[in-house]
Amino acid sequence: MRLGRVDVKDGVPVRAYPFSRDPAEGSPRVIALDPRVRFGRPTDADRGVPTDSLFERYQAGDSLAELVEDYGLTTAEVEEAIRYEAIPPAPLFPFYGW
């Protein structure tokens, strides 16, 4: 299942689709990590819109409808980007106090 979320060309991984939901089985392939787009930072898979930009604007008070109109995305794509960015980062060390 996890290898199916990586696009491979000539035996080399070129694009990955991270999980944006828990459980991971329901995660669509809407967010992409592609080293050729924004140096591998998370973007919308089709349009290349940065997920962090969508999330910051949403947190600042912009509505989903405004983001959809401004970026030419679907509501589902904007919601998925916001959901992805809202996932708390994993700790660097599994033990506290290091």
N, C-alpha and C. Protein backbone atom coordinates (compact mmCIF):
# COMPACT_ATOMS: atom_id res chain seq x y z
N MET A 1 0.82 -1.19 0.00
CA MET A 1 0.00 0.00 0.00
C MET A 1 0.86 1.26 0.00
N ARG A 2 1.90 1.28 0.79
CA ARG A 2 2.72 2.48 0.87
C ARG A 2 3.55 2.71 -0.39
N LEU A 3 4.02 1.65 -1.02
CA LEU A 3 4.79 1.82 -2.25
C LEU A 3 3.90 2.30 -3.39
N GLY A 4 2.62 2.08 -3.31
CA GLY A 4 1.69 2.56 -4.31
C GLY A 4 1.51 4.07 -4.27
N ARG A 5 2.04 4.70 -3.24
CA ARG A 5 1.94 6.16 -3.11
C ARG A 5 3.21 6.86 -3.59
N VAL A 6 4.03 6.14 -4.32
CA VAL A 6 5.27 6.71 -4.87
C VAL A 6 5.27 6.47 -6.37
N ASP A 7 5.46 7.55 -7.14
CA ASP A 7 5.60 7.42 -8.59
C ASP A 7 7.07 7.16 -8.91
N VAL A 8 7.32 6.16 -9.73
CA VAL A 8 8.69 5.78 -10.09
C VAL A 8 8.86 5.91 -11.60
N LYS A 9 9.99 6.50 -12.01
CA LYS A 9 10.32 6.63 -13.42
C LYS A 9 11.74 6.12 -13.63
N ASP A 10 11.89 5.16 -14.50
CA ASP A 10 13.20 4.56 -14.78
C ASP A 10 13.86 4.02 -13.51
N GLY A 11 13.07 3.48 -12.61
CA GLY A 11 13.59 2.89 -11.39
C GLY A 11 13.93 3.88 -10.30
N VAL A 12 13.59 5.16 -10.50
CA VAL A 12 13.92 6.20 -9.53
C VAL A 12 12.61 6.83 -9.03
N PRO A 13 12.42 6.95 -7.71
CA PRO A 13 11.21 7.61 -7.21
C PRO A 13 11.23 9.09 -7.58
N VAL A 14 10.13 9.60 -8.16
CA VAL A 14 10.09 10.99 -8.60
C VAL A 14 9.05 11.81 -7.87
N ARG A 15 8.04 11.17 -7.28
CA ARG A 15 6.98 11.91 -6.59
C ARG A 15 6.35 11.00 -5.55
N ALA A 16 6.12 11.56 -4.37
CA ALA A 16 5.48 10.81 -3.29
C ALA A 16 4.19 11.51 -2.87
N TYR A 17 3.24 10.73 -2.43
CA TYR A 17 1.95 11.23 -1.98
C TYR A 17 1.80 10.87 -0.51
N PRO A 18 2.05 11.81 0.40
CA PRO A 18 2.00 11.49 1.83
C PRO A 18 0.57 11.24 2.31
N PHE A 19 0.46 10.56 3.43
CA PHE A 19 -0.84 10.32 4.04
C PHE A 19 -1.33 11.59 4.70
N SER A 20 -2.61 11.85 4.59
CA SER A 20 -3.18 13.05 5.21
C SER A 20 -4.30 12.71 6.17
N ARG A 21 -4.55 11.44 6.36
CA ARG A 21 -5.63 11.02 7.25
C ARG A 21 -5.17 9.88 8.14
N ASP A 22 -5.90 9.72 9.24
CA ASP A 22 -5.64 8.62 10.13
C ASP A 22 -6.97 7.91 10.38
N PRO A 23 -7.16 6.72 9.96
CA PRO A 23 -6.20 5.78 9.41
C PRO A 23 -5.80 6.14 7.98
N ALA A 24 -4.62 5.72 7.62
CA ALA A 24 -4.01 6.10 6.35
C ALA A 24 -4.74 5.54 5.13
N GLU A 25 -5.51 4.49 5.29
CA GLU A 25 -6.15 3.85 4.15
C GLU A 25 -7.08 4.80 3.40
N GLY A 26 -7.62 5.80 4.05
CA GLY A 26 -8.55 6.71 3.41
C GLY A 26 -7.92 7.93 2.79
N SER A 27 -6.60 8.02 2.80
CA SER A 27 -5.91 9.21 2.28
C SER A 27 -5.90 9.23 0.76
N PRO A 28 -6.48 10.27 0.16
CA PRO A 28 -6.40 10.38 -1.30
C PRO A 28 -5.02 10.89 -1.74
N ARG A 29 -4.74 10.79 -3.01
CA ARG A 29 -3.45 11.25 -3.55
C ARG A 29 -3.60 12.68 -4.05
N VAL A 30 -3.87 13.60 -3.13
CA VAL A 30 -4.10 15.00 -3.47
C VAL A 30 -2.86 15.85 -3.18
N ILE A 31 -2.11 15.50 -2.15
CA ILE A 31 -0.90 16.22 -1.76
C ILE A 31 0.30 15.48 -2.32
N ALA A 32 1.25 16.24 -2.90
CA ALA A 32 2.43 15.61 -3.51
C ALA A 32 3.71 16.23 -2.96
N LEU A 33 4.73 15.39 -2.87
CA LEU A 33 6.09 15.82 -2.57
C LEU A 33 6.92 15.52 -3.81
N ASP A 34 7.30 16.56 -4.52
CA ASP A 34 8.01 16.41 -5.78
C ASP A 34 9.23 17.33 -5.75
N PRO A 35 10.44 16.79 -5.85
CA PRO A 35 11.63 17.64 -5.76
C PRO A 35 11.72 18.69 -6.86
N ARG A 36 10.95 18.52 -7.93
CA ARG A 36 10.95 19.51 -9.03
C ARG A 36 9.98 20.65 -8.77
N VAL A 37 9.16 20.54 -7.74
CA VAL A 37 8.16 21.57 -7.41
C VAL A 37 8.41 22.03 -5.98
N ARG A 38 8.74 23.29 -5.80
CA ARG A 38 8.98 23.88 -4.47
C ARG A 38 10.02 23.11 -3.67
N PHE A 39 11.01 22.55 -4.32
CA PHE A 39 12.09 21.83 -3.66
C PHE A 39 11.59 20.67 -2.79
N GLY A 40 10.50 20.06 -3.21
CA GLY A 40 9.98 18.90 -2.50
C GLY A 40 9.02 19.22 -1.37
N ARG A 41 8.69 20.48 -1.17
CA ARG A 41 7.73 20.85 -0.12
C ARG A 41 6.34 20.39 -0.54
N PRO A 42 5.42 20.16 0.41
CA PRO A 42 4.08 19.67 0.07
C PRO A 42 3.28 20.68 -0.76
N THR A 43 2.69 20.19 -1.83
CA THR A 43 1.86 21.02 -2.71
C THR A 43 0.64 20.23 -3.14
N ASP A 44 -0.31 20.94 -3.74
CA ASP A 44 -1.43 20.27 -4.38
C ASP A 44 -0.86 19.49 -5.57
N ALA A 45 -1.28 18.26 -5.73
CA ALA A 45 -0.69 17.39 -6.76
C ALA A 45 -0.93 17.89 -8.17
N ASP A 46 -2.07 18.52 -8.42
CA ASP A 46 -2.39 18.94 -9.79
C ASP A 46 -1.90 20.33 -10.13
N ARG A 47 -2.01 21.27 -9.22
CA ARG A 47 -1.73 22.67 -9.53
C ARG A 47 -0.43 23.19 -8.93
N GLY A 48 0.16 22.47 -7.98
CA GLY A 48 1.41 22.92 -7.37
C GLY A 48 1.24 24.03 -6.35
N VAL A 49 0.03 24.21 -5.83
CA VAL A 49 -0.23 25.23 -4.83
C VAL A 49 0.32 24.76 -3.49
N PRO A 50 1.13 25.59 -2.82
CA PRO A 50 1.70 25.19 -1.53
C PRO A 50 0.64 24.95 -0.46
N THR A 51 0.71 23.82 0.20
CA THR A 51 -0.27 23.50 1.23
C THR A 51 -0.14 24.43 2.43
N ASP A 52 1.07 24.87 2.73
CA ASP A 52 1.24 25.76 3.88
C ASP A 52 0.60 27.12 3.63
N SER A 53 0.60 27.58 2.39
CA SER A 53 -0.05 28.86 2.06
C SER A 53 -1.56 28.77 2.27
N LEU A 54 -2.14 27.66 1.82
CA LEU A 54 -3.58 27.46 2.02
C LEU A 54 -3.91 27.40 3.50
N PHE A 55 -3.11 26.68 4.26
CA PHE A 55 -3.35 26.52 5.69
C PHE A 55 -3.23 27.86 6.42
N GLU A 56 -2.20 28.64 6.11
CA GLU A 56 -2.00 29.93 6.77
C GLU A 56 -3.15 30.89 6.46
N ARG A 57 -3.59 30.92 5.22
CA ARG A 57 -4.72 31.79 4.87
C ARG A 57 -6.00 31.34 5.57
N TYR A 58 -6.20 30.03 5.67
CA TYR A 58 -7.38 29.51 6.36
C TYR A 58 -7.33 29.90 7.84
N GLN A 59 -6.18 29.77 8.46
CA GLN A 59 -6.04 30.14 9.86
C GLN A 59 -6.22 31.65 10.06
N ALA A 60 -5.88 32.44 9.05
CA ALA A 60 -6.02 33.89 9.14
C ALA A 60 -7.47 34.34 8.96
N GLY A 61 -8.36 33.41 8.56
CA GLY A 61 -9.76 33.76 8.48
C GLY A 61 -10.39 33.65 7.10
N ASP A 62 -9.61 33.31 6.09
CA ASP A 62 -10.18 33.13 4.76
C ASP A 62 -11.07 31.89 4.75
N SER A 63 -12.17 31.96 4.03
CA SER A 63 -13.08 30.82 3.95
C SER A 63 -12.60 29.83 2.89
N LEU A 64 -13.16 28.62 2.95
CA LEU A 64 -12.84 27.63 1.92
C LEU A 64 -13.23 28.14 0.54
N ALA A 65 -14.37 28.81 0.45
CA ALA A 65 -14.83 29.32 -0.84
C ALA A 65 -13.85 30.33 -1.42
N GLU A 66 -13.28 31.20 -0.58
CA GLU A 66 -12.29 32.17 -1.05
C GLU A 66 -11.04 31.48 -1.58
N LEU A 67 -10.59 30.47 -0.85
CA LEU A 67 -9.39 29.75 -1.27
C LEU A 67 -9.63 29.00 -2.57
N VAL A 68 -10.79 28.39 -2.70
CA VAL A 68 -11.15 27.67 -3.92
C VAL A 68 -11.14 28.63 -5.10
N GLU A 69 -11.73 29.79 -4.92
CA GLU A 69 -11.79 30.78 -6.01
C GLU A 69 -10.42 31.35 -6.35
N ASP A 70 -9.63 31.68 -5.34
CA ASP A 70 -8.32 32.31 -5.57
C ASP A 70 -7.33 31.37 -6.26
N TYR A 71 -7.37 30.09 -5.93
CA TYR A 71 -6.37 29.15 -6.44
C TYR A 71 -6.88 28.22 -7.53
N GLY A 72 -8.17 28.25 -7.82
CA GLY A 72 -8.72 27.38 -8.85
C GLY A 72 -8.70 25.91 -8.49
N LEU A 73 -8.86 25.61 -7.21
CA LEU A 73 -8.88 24.24 -6.72
C LEU A 73 -10.32 23.83 -6.40
N THR A 74 -10.52 22.57 -6.14
CA THR A 74 -11.82 22.12 -5.66
C THR A 74 -11.86 22.26 -4.15
N THR A 75 -13.06 22.23 -3.60
CA THR A 75 -13.21 22.30 -2.15
C THR A 75 -12.52 21.11 -1.48
N ALA A 76 -12.63 19.94 -2.10
CA ALA A 76 -12.00 18.74 -1.54
C ALA A 76 -10.47 18.88 -1.49
N GLU A 77 -9.88 19.49 -2.51
CA GLU A 77 -8.43 19.68 -2.53
C GLU A 77 -7.99 20.64 -1.44
N VAL A 78 -8.72 21.73 -1.26
CA VAL A 78 -8.38 22.70 -0.21
C VAL A 78 -8.54 22.06 1.17
N GLU A 79 -9.62 21.33 1.37
CA GLU A 79 -9.83 20.66 2.65
C GLU A 79 -8.73 19.66 2.95
N GLU A 80 -8.28 18.93 1.94
CA GLU A 80 -7.22 17.95 2.14
C GLU A 80 -5.89 18.63 2.49
N ALA A 81 -5.60 19.75 1.85
CA ALA A 81 -4.37 20.50 2.15
C ALA A 81 -4.40 21.01 3.59
N ILE A 82 -5.52 21.52 4.02
CA ILE A 82 -5.66 22.01 5.39
C ILE A 82 -5.54 20.84 6.37
N ARG A 83 -6.16 19.73 6.05
CA ARG A 83 -6.08 18.54 6.91
C ARG A 83 -4.63 18.06 7.02
N TYR A 84 -3.92 18.06 5.90
CA TYR A 84 -2.52 17.61 5.90
C TYR A 84 -1.66 18.52 6.77
N GLU A 85 -1.80 19.82 6.61
CA GLU A 85 -0.98 20.77 7.37
C GLU A 85 -1.33 20.78 8.85
N ALA A 86 -2.54 20.36 9.21
CA ALA A 86 -2.96 20.36 10.61
C ALA A 86 -2.43 19.16 11.38
N ILE A 87 -1.85 18.18 10.69
CA ILE A 87 -1.28 17.02 11.37
C ILE A 87 -0.08 17.47 12.20
N PRO A 88 -0.07 17.18 13.49
CA PRO A 88 1.08 17.60 14.30
C PRO A 88 2.36 16.88 13.85
N PRO A 89 3.47 17.59 13.86
CA PRO A 89 4.73 16.95 13.44
C PRO A 89 5.14 15.87 14.42
N ALA A 90 5.79 14.86 13.88
CA ALA A 90 6.30 13.77 14.71
C ALA A 90 7.50 14.27 15.52
N PRO A 91 7.64 13.82 16.75
CA PRO A 91 8.80 14.26 17.54
C PRO A 91 10.09 13.68 16.96
N LEU A 92 11.16 14.43 17.12
CA LEU A 92 12.46 13.97 16.62
C LEU A 92 12.96 12.77 17.40
N PHE A 93 12.72 12.80 18.71
CA PHE A 93 13.14 11.71 19.57
C PHE A 93 11.91 11.16 20.28
N PRO A 94 11.78 9.86 20.36
CA PRO A 94 10.59 9.30 21.01
C PRO A 94 10.62 9.46 22.53
N PHE A 95 11.73 9.92 23.08
CA PHE A 95 11.86 10.04 24.52
C PHE A 95 12.02 11.52 24.89
N TYR A 96 11.30 11.91 25.91
CA TYR A 96 11.40 13.30 26.36
C TYR A 96 12.63 13.48 27.24
N GLY A 97 13.21 14.67 27.19
CA GLY A 97 14.36 14.98 28.02
C GLY A 97 15.70 14.76 27.34
N TRP A 98 15.71 14.42 26.08
CA TRP A 98 16.99 14.21 25.38
C TRP A 98 17.55 15.53 24.97
